[in-house]
Amino acid sequence: MTSKPEQGEPSPVADERLTGAHDLALAALHEITAADTVGPAAGYTLEDDGVVSLRFHTRLSGYPGWFWTVSVAVVEDSEPTVLEVELLPGDGALLAPDWVPWATRLAEYQAAQAAAAAEDADDEADDDDVDDVDDEHDDSDDDDDEEEDEPKARFHAGDLDGVDIDELDADHAPDHRADGDDADGDDADDDHADDDGDDDADAYDDDHDDDRDEGDRSY
């Protein structure tokens, strides 16, 4: 952490022995990572208690904006020594999301699953309602078609309670054809009687003429 001088106090000055200890820092880095993963020097940061953090660019893939950092210090007027070596992000570095406890993540996951299940149930209910409306519409159409196909009773002006009075009149009407036949038969009998009367008259006239001739002959 970089120290900030209070107002009125002179700014601390980094020990030149620490700011120039690049060889010491690189040697420490090569103990934990390959040499080809370490890039050129990228400055330093003055920390508390005179500690200096030397920074080097990293060539590791997937870590843009990160820096190899080696913290060095002078202890009791001895030679500079390495305190810590680590890989730290710089400004604008790609960072992982903040750590969230497992219990919190599990509760959020379960809540999301419950919300998704409720949404699916609502969608299925809406689909069922649409299907029911379609089925009712289809049934109504089928009923209309059946009603159109069924023969309808035809009523006349004289129908009463579904009974066709015209048919009743036709059943009880006299058989005019039979009367006509009877009349024709009577006419035939009359003609026959007339023929018989004519024959009888002719026979009478013949007998009368014969009697007259015999009377004339008797004189």
C-alpha atoms as a PDB file:
ATOM      1  CA  MET A   1       0.000   0.000   0.000  1.00  0.00           C
ATOM      2  CA  THR A   2       1.421   3.373  -0.972  1.00  0.00           C
ATOM      3  CA  SER A   3       1.905   5.732   1.943  1.00  0.00           C
ATOM      4  CA  LYS A   4       0.516   9.237   1.760  1.00  0.00           C
ATOM      5  CA  PRO A   5       2.424  11.964   3.632  1.00  0.00           C
ATOM      6  CA  GLU A   6       0.458  14.230   5.882  1.00  0.00           C
ATOM      7  CA  GLN A   7       0.218  17.894   5.007  1.00  0.00           C
ATOM      8  CA  GLY A   8       3.291  19.831   6.042  1.00  0.00           C
ATOM      9  CA  GLU A   9       5.516  16.769   6.082  1.00  0.00           C
ATOM     10  CA  PRO A  10       8.112  16.178   3.347  1.00  0.00           C
ATOM     11  CA  SER A  11       7.334  13.356   0.883  1.00  0.00           C
ATOM     12  CA  PRO A  12       9.239  10.177   1.676  1.00  0.00           C
ATOM     13  CA  VAL A  13      12.023   9.320  -0.694  1.00  0.00           C
ATOM     14  CA  ALA A  14      12.553   5.763  -1.903  1.00  0.00           C
ATOM     15  CA  ASP A  15      15.880   4.137  -1.176  1.00  0.00           C
ATOM     16  CA  GLU A  16      17.883   4.028  -4.375  1.00  0.00           C
ATOM     17  CA  ARG A  17      19.265   0.647  -3.399  1.00  0.00           C
ATOM     18  CA  LEU A  18      15.701  -0.720  -3.489  1.00  0.00           C
ATOM     19  CA  THR A  19      14.533   1.027  -6.650  1.00  0.00           C
ATOM     20  CA  GLY A  20      17.591  -0.347  -8.458  1.00  0.00           C
ATOM     21  CA  ALA A  21      17.345  -3.931  -7.171  1.00  0.00           C
ATOM     22  CA  HIS A  22      16.022  -5.310 -10.463  1.00  0.00           C
ATOM     23  CA  ASP A  23      18.448  -8.214 -10.582  1.00  0.00           C
ATOM     24  CA  LEU A  24      17.399  -9.281  -7.096  1.00  0.00           C
ATOM     25  CA  ALA A  25      13.709  -9.038  -8.043  1.00  0.00           C
ATOM     26  CA  LEU A  26      14.148 -10.983 -11.299  1.00  0.00           C
ATOM     27  CA  ALA A  27      15.994 -13.746  -9.521  1.00  0.00           C
ATOM     28  CA  ALA A  28      13.078 -14.075  -7.099  1.00  0.00           C
ATOM     29  CA  LEU A  29      10.561 -14.122  -9.947  1.00  0.00           C
ATOM     30  CA  HIS A  30      12.413 -16.838 -11.847  1.00  0.00           C
ATOM     31  CA  GLU A  31      12.061 -19.058  -8.790  1.00  0.00           C
ATOM     32  CA  ILE A  32       8.252 -19.086  -9.159  1.00  0.00           C
ATOM     33  CA  THR A  33       7.652 -18.553 -12.906  1.00  0.00           C
ATOM     34  CA  ALA A  34       9.383 -19.103 -16.199  1.00  0.00           C
ATOM     35  CA  ALA A  35      11.672 -16.347 -17.429  1.00  0.00           C
ATOM     36  CA  ASP A  36       9.673 -15.932 -20.639  1.00  0.00           C
ATOM     37  CA  THR A  37       6.581 -14.973 -18.630  1.00  0.00           C
ATOM     38  CA  VAL A  38       8.322 -11.901 -17.189  1.00  0.00           C
ATOM     39  CA  GLY A  39       8.360  -8.739 -19.223  1.00  0.00           C
ATOM     40  CA  PRO A  40      10.297  -5.499 -18.918  1.00  0.00           C
ATOM     41  CA  ALA A  41      10.279  -3.357 -15.782  1.00  0.00           C
ATOM     42  CA  ALA A  42       7.179  -1.203 -15.253  1.00  0.00           C
ATOM     43  CA  GLY A  43       8.220   1.164 -12.434  1.00  0.00           C
ATOM     44  CA  TYR A  44       7.871   0.879  -8.699  1.00  0.00           C
ATOM     45  CA  THR A  45       5.550   1.808  -5.856  1.00  0.00           C
ATOM     46  CA  LEU A  46       6.693   3.192  -2.482  1.00  0.00           C
ATOM     47  CA  GLU A  47       4.946   1.373   0.336  1.00  0.00           C
ATOM     48  CA  ASP A  48       4.850   1.915   4.119  1.00  0.00           C
ATOM     49  CA  ASP A  49       8.020   1.629   6.200  1.00  0.00           C
ATOM     50  CA  GLY A  50      10.236   2.325   3.193  1.00  0.00           C
ATOM     51  CA  VAL A  51       9.277  -0.860   1.352  1.00  0.00           C
ATOM     52  CA  VAL A  52       9.491  -0.626  -2.436  1.00  0.00           C
ATOM     53  CA  SER A  53       7.404  -2.813  -4.817  1.00  0.00           C
ATOM     54  CA  LEU A  54       9.138  -3.309  -8.135  1.00  0.00           C
ATOM     55  CA  ARG A  55       6.758  -4.088 -11.035  1.00  0.00           C
ATOM     56  CA  PHE A  56       7.340  -6.046 -14.230  1.00  0.00           C
ATOM     57  CA  HIS A  57       4.968  -6.643 -17.141  1.00  0.00           C
ATOM     58  CA  THR A  58       3.580 -10.172 -17.374  1.00  0.00           C
ATOM     59  CA  ARG A  59       3.513 -12.189 -20.550  1.00  0.00           C
ATOM     60  CA  LEU A  60       1.095 -14.753 -19.225  1.00  0.00           C
ATOM     61  CA  SER A  61      -1.895 -15.203 -21.539  1.00  0.00           C
ATOM     62  CA  GLY A  62      -5.223 -14.285 -19.968  1.00  0.00           C
ATOM     63  CA  TYR A  63      -3.785 -11.632 -17.657  1.00  0.00           C
ATOM     64  CA  PRO A  64      -3.870  -8.338 -19.548  1.00  0.00           C
ATOM     65  CA  GLY A  65      -3.126  -5.357 -17.301  1.00  0.00           C
ATOM     66  CA  TRP A  66      -1.480  -7.479 -14.611  1.00  0.00           C
ATOM     67  CA  PHE A  67       2.074  -7.025 -13.223  1.00  0.00           C
ATOM     68  CA  TRP A  68       4.631  -9.202 -11.542  1.00  0.00           C
ATOM     69  CA  THR A  69       5.325  -7.426  -8.255  1.00  0.00           C
ATOM     70  CA  VAL A  70       8.377  -7.952  -6.018  1.00  0.00           C
ATOM     71  CA  SER A  71       8.476  -6.176  -2.679  1.00  0.00           C
ATOM     72  CA  VAL A  72      12.020  -5.393  -1.397  1.00  0.00           C
ATOM     73  CA  ALA A  73      13.267  -3.675   1.722  1.00  0.00           C
ATOM     74  CA  VAL A  74      16.379  -2.905   3.769  1.00  0.00           C
ATOM     75  CA  VAL A  75      16.332  -4.380   7.257  1.00  0.00           C
ATOM     76  CA  GLU A  76      18.659  -2.956   9.933  1.00  0.00           C
ATOM     77  CA  ASP A  77      21.029  -1.362   7.459  1.00  0.00           C
ATOM     78  CA  SER A  78      21.681  -4.693   5.727  1.00  0.00           C
ATOM     79  CA  GLU A  79      21.608  -5.381   2.006  1.00  0.00           C
ATOM     80  CA  PRO A  80      18.212  -5.234   0.226  1.00  0.00           C
ATOM     81  CA  THR A  81      16.136  -8.373   0.637  1.00  0.00           C
ATOM     82  CA  VAL A  82      12.964  -9.759  -0.972  1.00  0.00           C
ATOM     83  CA  LEU A  83       9.861  -9.716   1.166  1.00  0.00           C
ATOM     84  CA  GLU A  84       7.155 -10.922  -1.213  1.00  0.00           C
ATOM     85  CA  VAL A  85       6.568 -11.960  -4.841  1.00  0.00           C
ATOM     86  CA  GLU A  86       3.089 -11.912  -6.416  1.00  0.00           C
ATOM     87  CA  LEU A  87       1.037 -11.190  -9.524  1.00  0.00           C
ATOM     88  CA  LEU A  88      -1.177  -8.133  -9.002  1.00  0.00           C
ATOM     89  CA  PRO A  89      -3.672  -6.355 -11.267  1.00  0.00           C
ATOM     90  CA  GLY A  90      -3.055  -2.869 -12.499  1.00  0.00           C
ATOM     91  CA  ASP A  91      -5.529  -0.183 -13.516  1.00  0.00           C
ATOM     92  CA  GLY A  92      -8.051  -1.531 -16.069  1.00  0.00           C
ATOM     93  CA  ALA A  93      -6.952  -5.153 -15.558  1.00  0.00           C
ATOM     94  CA  LEU A  94      -9.363  -7.991 -16.280  1.00  0.00           C
ATOM     95  CA  LEU A  95     -10.646  -9.118 -12.894  1.00  0.00           C
ATOM     96  CA  ALA A  96     -12.732 -12.004 -11.644  1.00  0.00           C
ATOM     97  CA  PRO A  97     -16.074 -11.130 -10.042  1.00  0.00           C
ATOM     98  CA  ASP A  98     -16.211 -10.576  -6.320  1.00  0.00           C
ATOM     99  CA  TRP A  99     -16.338 -13.757  -4.308  1.00  0.00           C
ATOM    100  CA  VAL A 100     -19.802 -14.713  -3.106  1.00  0.00           C
ATOM    101  CA  PRO A 101     -20.343 -17.280  -0.326  1.00  0.00           C
ATOM    102  CA  TRP A 102     -21.698 -20.633  -1.414  1.00  0.00           C
ATOM    103  CA  ALA A 103     -24.858 -20.320   0.692  1.00  0.00           C
ATOM    104  CA  THR A 104     -25.706 -17.014  -0.994  1.00  0.00           C
ATOM    105  CA  ARG A 105     -25.069 -18.392  -4.463  1.00  0.00           C
ATOM    106  CA  LEU A 106     -27.196 -21.473  -3.709  1.00  0.00           C
ATOM    107  CA  ALA A 107     -30.091 -19.362  -2.469  1.00  0.00           C
ATOM    108  CA  GLU A 108     -29.938 -17.164  -5.574  1.00  0.00           C
ATOM    109  CA  TYR A 109     -29.827 -20.262  -7.799  1.00  0.00           C
ATOM    110  CA  GLN A 110     -32.839 -21.814  -6.077  1.00  0.00           C
ATOM    111  CA  ALA A 111     -34.794 -18.570  -6.353  1.00  0.00           C
ATOM    112  CA  ALA A 112     -33.998 -18.360 -10.074  1.00  0.00           C
ATOM    113  CA  GLN A 113     -35.095 -21.981 -10.578  1.00  0.00           C
ATOM    114  CA  ALA A 114     -38.394 -21.350  -8.745  1.00  0.00           C
ATOM    115  CA  ALA A 115     -39.060 -18.230 -10.848  1.00  0.00           C
ATOM    116  CA  ALA A 116     -38.359 -20.143 -14.055  1.00  0.00           C
ATOM    117  CA  ALA A 117     -40.680 -22.988 -13.011  1.00  0.00           C
ATOM    118  CA  ALA A 118     -43.469 -20.528 -12.197  1.00  0.00           C
ATOM    119  CA  GLU A 119     -43.039 -18.843 -15.573  1.00  0.00           C
ATOM    120  CA  ASP A 120     -43.190 -22.198 -17.376  1.00  0.00           C
ATOM    121  CA  ALA A 121     -46.367 -23.091 -15.446  1.00  0.00           C
ATOM    122  CA  ASP A 122     -47.975 -19.796 -16.479  1.00  0.00           C
ATOM    123  CA  ASP A 123     -47.036 -20.421 -20.115  1.00  0.00           C
ATOM    124  CA  GLU A 124     -48.519 -23.939 -19.992  1.00  0.00           C
ATOM    125  CA  ALA A 125     -51.719 -22.594 -18.399  1.00  0.00           C
ATOM    126  CA  ASP A 126     -52.025 -19.986 -21.164  1.00  0.00           C
ATOM    127  CA  ASP A 127     -51.480 -22.685 -23.803  1.00  0.00           C
ATOM    128  CA  ASP A 128     -54.160 -24.886 -22.185  1.00  0.00           C
ATOM    129  CA  ASP A 129     -56.624 -21.987 -22.187  1.00  0.00           C
ATOM    130  CA  VAL A 130     -55.954 -21.359 -25.872  1.00  0.00           C
ATOM    131  CA  ASP A 131     -56.402 -25.078 -26.642  1.00  0.00           C
ATOM    132  CA  ASP A 132     -59.699 -25.160 -24.708  1.00  0.00           C
ATOM    133  CA  VAL A 133     -61.009 -22.166 -26.647  1.00  0.00           C
ATOM    134  CA  ASP A 134     -59.982 -23.797 -29.930  1.00  0.00           C
ATOM    135  CA  ASP A 135     -61.674 -27.084 -28.926  1.00  0.00           C
ATOM    136  CA  GLU A 136     -64.896 -25.289 -27.972  1.00  0.00           C
ATOM    137  CA  HIS A 137     -64.838 -23.425 -31.280  1.00  0.00           C
ATOM    138  CA  ASP A 138     -64.292 -26.681 -33.196  1.00  0.00           C
ATOM    139  CA  ASP A 139     -67.131 -28.402 -31.287  1.00  0.00           C
ATOM    140  CA  SER A 140     -69.437 -25.478 -32.050  1.00  0.00           C
ATOM    141  CA  ASP A 141     -68.560 -25.702 -35.740  1.00  0.00           C
ATOM    142  CA  ASP A 142     -69.212 -29.465 -35.713  1.00  0.00           C
ATOM    143  CA  ASP A 143     -72.607 -28.939 -34.074  1.00  0.00           C
ATOM    144  CA  ASP A 144     -73.511 -26.326 -36.662  1.00  0.00           C
ATOM    145  CA  ASP A 145     -72.495 -28.704 -39.456  1.00  0.00           C
ATOM    146  CA  GLU A 146     -74.607 -31.521 -37.960  1.00  0.00           C
ATOM    147  CA  GLU A 147     -77.602 -29.236 -37.651  1.00  0.00           C
ATOM    148  CA  GLU A 148     -77.205 -28.217 -41.281  1.00  0.00           C
ATOM    149  CA  ASP A 149     -76.948 -31.876 -42.387  1.00  0.00           C
ATOM    150  CA  GLU A 150     -80.091 -33.025 -40.506  1.00  0.00           C
ATOM    151  CA  PRO A 151     -83.316 -32.854 -42.577  1.00  0.00           C
ATOM    152  CA  LYS A 152     -85.651 -30.206 -41.300  1.00  0.00           C
ATOM    153  CA  ALA A 153     -89.415 -30.745 -40.999  1.00  0.00           C
ATOM    154  CA  ARG A 154     -91.337 -28.732 -43.545  1.00  0.00           C
ATOM    155  CA  PHE A 155     -94.438 -27.049 -42.204  1.00  0.00           C
ATOM    156  CA  HIS A 156     -97.326 -25.712 -44.253  1.00  0.00           C
ATOM    157  CA  ALA A 157     -99.813 -23.024 -43.458  1.00  0.00           C
ATOM    158  CA  GLY A 158    -102.251 -25.635 -42.222  1.00  0.00           C
ATOM    159  CA  ASP A 159     -99.821 -27.534 -39.977  1.00  0.00           C
ATOM    160  CA  LEU A 160    -100.848 -27.911 -36.367  1.00  0.00           C
ATOM    161  CA  ASP A 161     -98.411 -29.208 -33.744  1.00  0.00           C
ATOM    162  CA  GLY A 162     -96.244 -30.750 -36.433  1.00  0.00           C
ATOM    163  CA  VAL A 163     -99.195 -32.620 -38.054  1.00  0.00           C
ATOM    164  CA  ASP A 164     -99.664 -32.028 -41.762  1.00  0.00           C
ATOM    165  CA  ILE A 165    -103.379 -31.359 -42.221  1.00  0.00           C
ATOM    166  CA  ASP A 166    -103.015 -31.636 -46.008  1.00  0.00           C
ATOM    167  CA  GLU A 167    -101.954 -35.255 -45.641  1.00  0.00           C
ATOM    168  CA  LEU A 168    -104.896 -35.973 -43.350  1.00  0.00           C
ATOM    169  CA  ASP A 169    -107.267 -34.430 -45.931  1.00  0.00           C
ATOM    170  CA  ALA A 170    -105.717 -36.565 -48.636  1.00  0.00           C
ATOM    171  CA  ASP A 171    -106.210 -39.731 -46.555  1.00  0.00           C
ATOM    172  CA  HIS A 172    -109.901 -38.993 -45.867  1.00  0.00           C
ATOM    173  CA  ALA A 173    -110.843 -37.542 -49.278  1.00  0.00           C
ATOM    174  CA  PRO A 174    -113.350 -39.620 -51.335  1.00  0.00           C
ATOM    175  CA  ASP A 175    -111.981 -41.679 -54.154  1.00  0.00           C
ATOM    176  CA  HIS A 176    -113.213 -39.689 -57.154  1.00  0.00           C
ATOM    177  CA  ARG A 177    -111.631 -42.195 -59.497  1.00  0.00           C
ATOM    178  CA  ALA A 178    -113.840 -44.934 -58.076  1.00  0.00           C
ATOM    179  CA  ASP A 179    -116.929 -42.717 -58.433  1.00  0.00           C
ATOM    180  CA  GLY A 180    -115.925 -42.072 -61.988  1.00  0.00           C
ATOM    181  CA  ASP A 181    -115.649 -45.768 -62.640  1.00  0.00           C
ATOM    182  CA  ASP A 182    -119.123 -46.294 -61.081  1.00  0.00           C
ATOM    183  CA  ALA A 183    -120.560 -43.579 -63.247  1.00  0.00           C
ATOM    184  CA  ASP A 184    -119.020 -45.106 -66.330  1.00  0.00           C
ATOM    185  CA  GLY A 185    -120.506 -48.441 -65.324  1.00  0.00           C
ATOM    186  CA  ASP A 186    -123.954 -46.853 -64.899  1.00  0.00           C
ATOM    187  CA  ASP A 187    -123.673 -45.242 -68.311  1.00  0.00           C
ATOM    188  CA  ALA A 188    -122.770 -48.590 -69.831  1.00  0.00           C
ATOM    189  CA  ASP A 189    -125.790 -50.214 -68.154  1.00  0.00           C
ATOM    190  CA  ASP A 190    -128.047 -47.430 -69.451  1.00  0.00           C
ATOM    191  CA  ASP A 191    -126.705 -47.873 -72.968  1.00  0.00           C
ATOM    192  CA  HIS A 192    -127.278 -51.590 -72.724  1.00  0.00           C
ATOM    193  CA  ALA A 193    -130.839 -51.046 -71.486  1.00  0.00           C
ATOM    194  CA  ASP A 194    -131.493 -48.639 -74.324  1.00  0.00           C
ATOM    195  CA  ASP A 195    -130.227 -51.185 -76.808  1.00  0.00           C
ATOM    196  CA  ASP A 196    -132.531 -53.816 -75.307  1.00  0.00           C
ATOM    197  CA  GLY A 197    -135.506 -51.388 -75.490  1.00  0.00           C
ATOM    198  CA  ASP A 198    -134.817 -50.656 -79.097  1.00  0.00           C
ATOM    199  CA  ASP A 199    -134.679 -54.364 -79.889  1.00  0.00           C
ATOM    200  CA  ASP A 200    -137.980 -54.928 -78.093  1.00  0.00           C
ATOM    201  CA  ALA A 201    -139.625 -52.062 -79.989  1.00  0.00           C
ATOM    202  CA  ASP A 202    -138.401 -53.408 -83.302  1.00  0.00           C
ATOM    203  CA  ALA A 203    -139.741 -56.847 -82.463  1.00  0.00           C
ATOM    204  CA  TYR A 204    -143.133 -55.357 -81.530  1.00  0.00           C
ATOM    205  CA  ASP A 205    -143.309 -53.442 -84.793  1.00  0.00           C
ATOM    206  CA  ASP A 206    -142.527 -56.588 -86.760  1.00  0.00           C
ATOM    207  CA  ASP A 207    -145.247 -58.560 -84.978  1.00  0.00           C
ATOM    208  CA  HIS A 208    -147.757 -55.772 -85.548  1.00  0.00           C
ATOM    209  CA  ASP A 209    -146.995 -55.670 -89.249  1.00  0.00           C
ATOM    210  CA  ASP A 210    -147.457 -59.433 -89.517  1.00  0.00           C
ATOM    211  CA  ASP A 211    -150.892 -59.223 -87.843  1.00  0.00           C
ATOM    212  CA  ARG A 212    -151.933 -56.478 -90.213  1.00  0.00           C
ATOM    213  CA  ASP A 213    -150.958 -58.519 -93.212  1.00  0.00           C
ATOM    214  CA  GLU A 214    -152.967 -61.496 -91.993  1.00  0.00           C
ATOM    215  CA  GLY A 215    -156.017 -59.304 -91.458  1.00  0.00           C
ATOM    216  CA  ASP A 216    -155.820 -58.001 -94.962  1.00  0.00           C
ATOM    217  CA  ARG A 217    -155.584 -61.479 -96.300  1.00  0.00           C
ATOM    218  CA  SER A 218    -158.665 -62.647 -94.385  1.00  0.00           C
ATOM    219  CA  TYR A 219    -160.853 -60.309 -96.338  1.00  0.00           C
END
